[in-house]
Amino acid sequence: MARVVWLVPVTVHHLGHGTGSTNALRLFRLRDGRRCAVGFSTPEALTALLGPDQAYTELGESALRELTAPLGVDALVLDPRLVAPPVAAPDTRPAPAPTAQLQHR
């Protein structure tokens, strides 16, 4: 049976000049708010969702589960697609000045 690996997004932390770097798994959230780990079956699928500059590492499903279990993450998603509603552009118009309310006695 062929070995199946997932391309798993990571964040690269540079330790300093000449001392190398370390990778940390990127975790995401499901619609219900639970944390999850994601993997992609191809570099193209990863790039389509996370962009061309996203670093990744190759992991098997069991290795990914072993790494995330101590963090309380039990959900894995293969080849996720963006499902969040589009975010509206911020309103850049200045807020109206407050008006004074006068009370007559």
N, C-alpha and C. Protein backbone atom coordinates (compact mmCIF):
# COMPACT_ATOMS: atom_id res chain seq x y z
N MET A 1 0.84 -1.17 0.00
CA MET A 1 0.00 0.00 0.00
C MET A 1 0.89 1.24 0.00
N ALA A 2 0.54 2.24 -0.79
CA ALA A 2 1.33 3.46 -0.91
C ALA A 2 1.22 4.29 0.37
N ARG A 3 2.29 4.92 0.70
CA ARG A 3 2.32 5.81 1.87
C ARG A 3 1.62 7.11 1.51
N VAL A 4 0.61 7.49 2.27
CA VAL A 4 -0.14 8.71 2.00
C VAL A 4 0.37 9.80 2.93
N VAL A 5 0.79 10.90 2.36
CA VAL A 5 1.23 12.04 3.16
C VAL A 5 0.35 13.24 2.85
N TRP A 6 0.17 14.05 3.86
CA TRP A 6 -0.56 15.30 3.73
C TRP A 6 0.45 16.43 3.75
N LEU A 7 0.17 17.48 3.01
CA LEU A 7 0.96 18.70 3.07
C LEU A 7 0.29 19.57 4.13
N VAL A 8 0.99 19.78 5.24
CA VAL A 8 0.41 20.42 6.41
C VAL A 8 1.03 21.82 6.58
N PRO A 9 0.20 22.87 6.64
CA PRO A 9 0.72 24.23 6.79
C PRO A 9 1.45 24.41 8.12
N VAL A 10 2.57 25.11 8.04
CA VAL A 10 3.37 25.42 9.23
C VAL A 10 3.74 26.89 9.22
N THR A 11 4.08 27.37 10.39
CA THR A 11 4.68 28.69 10.55
C THR A 11 6.14 28.47 10.87
N VAL A 12 7.01 29.16 10.15
CA VAL A 12 8.46 29.01 10.35
C VAL A 12 8.93 30.10 11.29
N HIS A 13 9.59 29.70 12.36
CA HIS A 13 10.16 30.63 13.34
C HIS A 13 11.68 30.59 13.19
N HIS A 14 12.26 31.71 12.81
CA HIS A 14 13.71 31.79 12.67
C HIS A 14 14.32 32.09 14.04
N LEU A 15 15.30 31.31 14.42
CA LEU A 15 15.87 31.40 15.76
C LEU A 15 16.97 32.45 15.89
N GLY A 16 17.45 32.95 14.82
CA GLY A 16 18.51 33.95 14.88
C GLY A 16 19.55 33.66 13.83
N HIS A 17 20.45 34.56 13.68
CA HIS A 17 21.47 34.47 12.64
C HIS A 17 22.31 33.20 12.81
N GLY A 18 22.23 32.32 11.83
CA GLY A 18 23.05 31.12 11.82
C GLY A 18 22.61 30.01 12.75
N THR A 19 21.48 30.18 13.46
CA THR A 19 21.07 29.14 14.39
C THR A 19 19.92 28.30 13.87
N GLY A 20 19.44 28.56 12.66
CA GLY A 20 18.41 27.73 12.07
C GLY A 20 17.01 28.22 12.33
N SER A 21 16.06 27.31 12.20
CA SER A 21 14.65 27.66 12.37
C SER A 21 13.89 26.45 12.90
N THR A 22 12.67 26.71 13.32
CA THR A 22 11.79 25.66 13.80
C THR A 22 10.42 25.87 13.16
N ASN A 23 9.68 24.80 12.98
CA ASN A 23 8.34 24.88 12.40
C ASN A 23 7.29 24.60 13.45
N ALA A 24 6.18 25.32 13.36
CA ALA A 24 5.03 25.08 14.23
C ALA A 24 3.82 24.83 13.34
N LEU A 25 3.04 23.80 13.68
CA LEU A 25 1.83 23.52 12.91
C LEU A 25 0.87 24.70 13.01
N ARG A 26 0.25 25.04 11.89
CA ARG A 26 -0.83 26.04 11.91
C ARG A 26 -2.12 25.31 12.20
N LEU A 27 -2.84 25.77 13.18
CA LEU A 27 -4.15 25.22 13.49
C LEU A 27 -5.21 26.20 13.03
N PHE A 28 -6.37 25.67 12.72
CA PHE A 28 -7.47 26.47 12.21
C PHE A 28 -8.70 26.22 13.06
N ARG A 29 -9.81 26.84 12.70
CA ARG A 29 -11.06 26.64 13.45
C ARG A 29 -12.16 26.18 12.50
N LEU A 30 -12.97 25.26 13.02
CA LEU A 30 -14.16 24.84 12.30
C LEU A 30 -15.25 25.88 12.50
N ARG A 31 -16.32 25.77 11.76
CA ARG A 31 -17.42 26.73 11.88
C ARG A 31 -17.99 26.81 13.29
N ASP A 32 -17.93 25.70 14.02
CA ASP A 32 -18.47 25.70 15.39
C ASP A 32 -17.46 26.20 16.42
N GLY A 33 -16.27 26.63 15.96
CA GLY A 33 -15.28 27.20 16.86
C GLY A 33 -14.20 26.25 17.33
N ARG A 34 -14.40 24.93 17.13
CA ARG A 34 -13.38 23.97 17.57
C ARG A 34 -12.14 24.10 16.71
N ARG A 35 -10.98 23.88 17.34
CA ARG A 35 -9.72 23.91 16.59
C ARG A 35 -9.59 22.64 15.77
N CYS A 36 -8.93 22.78 14.63
CA CYS A 36 -8.68 21.62 13.78
C CYS A 36 -7.33 21.78 13.10
N ALA A 37 -6.79 20.66 12.67
CA ALA A 37 -5.59 20.65 11.84
C ALA A 37 -6.03 20.38 10.41
N VAL A 38 -5.31 20.93 9.45
CA VAL A 38 -5.66 20.71 8.05
C VAL A 38 -4.48 20.13 7.30
N GLY A 39 -4.80 19.42 6.25
CA GLY A 39 -3.80 18.89 5.35
C GLY A 39 -4.29 19.01 3.93
N PHE A 40 -3.38 19.01 3.01
CA PHE A 40 -3.72 19.14 1.60
C PHE A 40 -3.11 17.97 0.84
N SER A 41 -3.82 17.54 -0.19
CA SER A 41 -3.34 16.40 -0.98
C SER A 41 -2.35 16.82 -2.06
N THR A 42 -2.35 18.10 -2.44
CA THR A 42 -1.43 18.59 -3.47
C THR A 42 -0.94 19.99 -3.10
N PRO A 43 0.25 20.36 -3.61
CA PRO A 43 0.72 21.73 -3.39
C PRO A 43 -0.23 22.76 -4.00
N GLU A 44 -0.88 22.41 -5.10
CA GLU A 44 -1.80 23.35 -5.76
C GLU A 44 -3.01 23.65 -4.88
N ALA A 45 -3.53 22.63 -4.20
CA ALA A 45 -4.67 22.83 -3.31
C ALA A 45 -4.28 23.73 -2.14
N LEU A 46 -3.11 23.53 -1.59
CA LEU A 46 -2.63 24.36 -0.48
C LEU A 46 -2.45 25.80 -0.95
N THR A 47 -1.81 26.00 -2.10
CA THR A 47 -1.56 27.34 -2.62
C THR A 47 -2.87 28.06 -2.96
N ALA A 48 -3.83 27.33 -3.49
CA ALA A 48 -5.11 27.95 -3.86
C ALA A 48 -5.82 28.56 -2.65
N LEU A 49 -5.68 27.93 -1.50
CA LEU A 49 -6.39 28.42 -0.31
C LEU A 49 -5.54 29.36 0.54
N LEU A 50 -4.25 29.04 0.70
CA LEU A 50 -3.41 29.78 1.64
C LEU A 50 -2.36 30.67 0.99
N GLY A 51 -2.24 30.60 -0.33
CA GLY A 51 -1.30 31.46 -1.03
C GLY A 51 0.04 30.80 -1.28
N PRO A 52 0.81 31.38 -2.21
CA PRO A 52 2.07 30.76 -2.64
C PRO A 52 3.19 30.82 -1.61
N ASP A 53 3.07 31.67 -0.61
CA ASP A 53 4.14 31.82 0.38
C ASP A 53 3.94 30.95 1.62
N GLN A 54 2.87 30.17 1.65
CA GLN A 54 2.60 29.33 2.82
C GLN A 54 3.59 28.17 2.89
N ALA A 55 4.32 28.11 3.99
CA ALA A 55 5.25 27.00 4.21
C ALA A 55 4.46 25.77 4.64
N TYR A 56 4.99 24.59 4.35
CA TYR A 56 4.32 23.36 4.75
C TYR A 56 5.35 22.26 4.97
N THR A 57 4.89 21.22 5.64
CA THR A 57 5.69 20.02 5.85
C THR A 57 4.85 18.82 5.46
N GLU A 58 5.48 17.70 5.20
CA GLU A 58 4.76 16.48 4.85
C GLU A 58 4.60 15.60 6.09
N LEU A 59 3.36 15.21 6.36
CA LEU A 59 3.07 14.33 7.49
C LEU A 59 2.02 13.32 7.10
N GLY A 60 2.12 12.13 7.64
CA GLY A 60 1.05 11.15 7.51
C GLY A 60 -0.06 11.50 8.48
N GLU A 61 -1.25 10.97 8.22
CA GLU A 61 -2.39 11.26 9.09
C GLU A 61 -2.13 10.86 10.54
N SER A 62 -1.53 9.70 10.75
CA SER A 62 -1.30 9.26 12.14
C SER A 62 -0.32 10.17 12.86
N ALA A 63 0.70 10.64 12.15
CA ALA A 63 1.67 11.57 12.77
C ALA A 63 0.99 12.89 13.12
N LEU A 64 0.14 13.37 12.23
CA LEU A 64 -0.57 14.62 12.50
C LEU A 64 -1.50 14.46 13.70
N ARG A 65 -2.17 13.33 13.79
CA ARG A 65 -3.04 13.08 14.95
C ARG A 65 -2.22 13.02 16.25
N GLU A 66 -1.05 12.38 16.20
CA GLU A 66 -0.21 12.29 17.40
C GLU A 66 0.30 13.66 17.84
N LEU A 67 0.59 14.53 16.89
CA LEU A 67 1.08 15.87 17.22
C LEU A 67 -0.02 16.77 17.78
N THR A 68 -1.23 16.61 17.30
CA THR A 68 -2.30 17.52 17.72
C THR A 68 -3.11 17.02 18.91
N ALA A 69 -3.10 15.72 19.18
CA ALA A 69 -3.89 15.18 20.30
C ALA A 69 -3.55 15.83 21.65
N PRO A 70 -2.27 16.03 21.99
CA PRO A 70 -1.97 16.66 23.29
C PRO A 70 -2.50 18.09 23.39
N LEU A 71 -2.81 18.71 22.26
CA LEU A 71 -3.35 20.07 22.25
C LEU A 71 -4.87 20.08 22.32
N GLY A 72 -5.47 18.88 22.40
CA GLY A 72 -6.91 18.78 22.44
C GLY A 72 -7.57 18.90 21.08
N VAL A 73 -6.78 18.78 20.03
CA VAL A 73 -7.30 18.88 18.67
C VAL A 73 -7.55 17.47 18.15
N ASP A 74 -8.81 17.17 17.86
CA ASP A 74 -9.12 15.84 17.36
C ASP A 74 -9.74 15.86 15.96
N ALA A 75 -9.95 17.05 15.41
CA ALA A 75 -10.54 17.17 14.07
C ALA A 75 -9.45 17.43 13.04
N LEU A 76 -9.45 16.63 11.98
CA LEU A 76 -8.55 16.83 10.86
C LEU A 76 -9.39 17.06 9.62
N VAL A 77 -8.97 18.00 8.79
CA VAL A 77 -9.70 18.31 7.56
C VAL A 77 -8.73 18.19 6.39
N LEU A 78 -9.08 17.38 5.42
CA LEU A 78 -8.26 17.22 4.22
C LEU A 78 -8.84 18.08 3.10
N ASP A 79 -7.98 18.85 2.47
CA ASP A 79 -8.36 19.74 1.36
C ASP A 79 -9.54 20.64 1.71
N PRO A 80 -9.40 21.46 2.76
CA PRO A 80 -10.51 22.35 3.12
C PRO A 80 -10.73 23.41 2.05
N ARG A 81 -11.90 23.95 2.07
CA ARG A 81 -12.25 25.07 1.19
C ARG A 81 -12.75 26.19 2.09
N LEU A 82 -12.53 27.40 1.65
CA LEU A 82 -12.98 28.55 2.42
C LEU A 82 -14.51 28.58 2.42
N VAL A 83 -15.10 28.59 3.60
CA VAL A 83 -16.55 28.60 3.70
C VAL A 83 -17.07 29.82 4.44
N ALA A 84 -16.19 30.65 4.93
CA ALA A 84 -16.62 31.83 5.67
C ALA A 84 -17.25 32.84 4.70
N PRO A 85 -18.25 33.58 5.17
CA PRO A 85 -18.82 34.60 4.30
C PRO A 85 -17.78 35.68 4.04
N PRO A 86 -17.86 36.35 2.91
CA PRO A 86 -16.89 37.41 2.63
C PRO A 86 -16.98 38.51 3.68
N VAL A 87 -15.86 39.06 3.99
CA VAL A 87 -15.80 40.15 4.97
C VAL A 87 -15.96 41.47 4.22
N ALA A 88 -16.88 42.29 4.69
CA ALA A 88 -17.12 43.58 4.05
C ALA A 88 -15.94 44.50 4.31
N ALA A 89 -15.64 45.33 3.33
CA ALA A 89 -14.57 46.31 3.49
C ALA A 89 -14.97 47.29 4.59
N PRO A 90 -13.99 47.72 5.40
CA PRO A 90 -14.33 48.66 6.47
C PRO A 90 -14.82 49.99 5.89
N ASP A 91 -15.77 50.58 6.59
CA ASP A 91 -16.29 51.88 6.19
C ASP A 91 -15.27 52.93 6.58
N THR A 92 -14.72 53.62 5.59
CA THR A 92 -13.66 54.60 5.87
C THR A 92 -14.20 56.02 6.00
N ARG A 93 -15.52 56.17 5.91
CA ARG A 93 -16.09 57.52 6.09
C ARG A 93 -16.00 57.90 7.56
N PRO A 94 -15.74 59.17 7.84
CA PRO A 94 -15.68 59.58 9.24
C PRO A 94 -17.06 59.47 9.89
N ALA A 95 -17.05 59.12 11.15
CA ALA A 95 -18.31 59.02 11.90
C ALA A 95 -18.92 60.40 12.06
N PRO A 96 -20.23 60.50 12.01
CA PRO A 96 -20.85 61.82 12.20
C PRO A 96 -20.58 62.35 13.60
N ALA A 97 -20.45 63.64 13.67
CA ALA A 97 -20.19 64.28 14.97
C ALA A 97 -21.41 64.10 15.86
N PRO A 98 -21.20 63.83 17.14
CA PRO A 98 -22.35 63.68 18.03
C PRO A 98 -23.10 64.99 18.18
N THR A 99 -24.39 64.89 18.31
CA THR A 99 -25.18 66.10 18.50
C THR A 99 -25.56 66.22 19.97
N ALA A 100 -25.59 67.44 20.43
CA ALA A 100 -25.93 67.69 21.83
C ALA A 100 -27.44 67.62 22.00
N GLN A 101 -27.86 67.02 23.06
CA GLN A 101 -29.30 66.97 23.39
C GLN A 101 -29.54 67.93 24.54
N LEU A 102 -30.35 68.95 24.28
CA LEU A 102 -30.67 69.94 25.31
C LEU A 102 -32.02 69.62 25.91
N GLN A 103 -32.10 69.77 27.19
CA GLN A 103 -33.39 69.57 27.87
C GLN A 103 -33.87 70.92 28.38
N HIS A 104 -35.14 71.21 28.17
CA HIS A 104 -35.73 72.44 28.66
C HIS A 104 -36.41 72.15 29.97
N ARG A 105 -36.25 73.05 30.95
CA ARG A 105 -36.92 72.89 32.24
C ARG A 105 -37.87 74.00 32.46
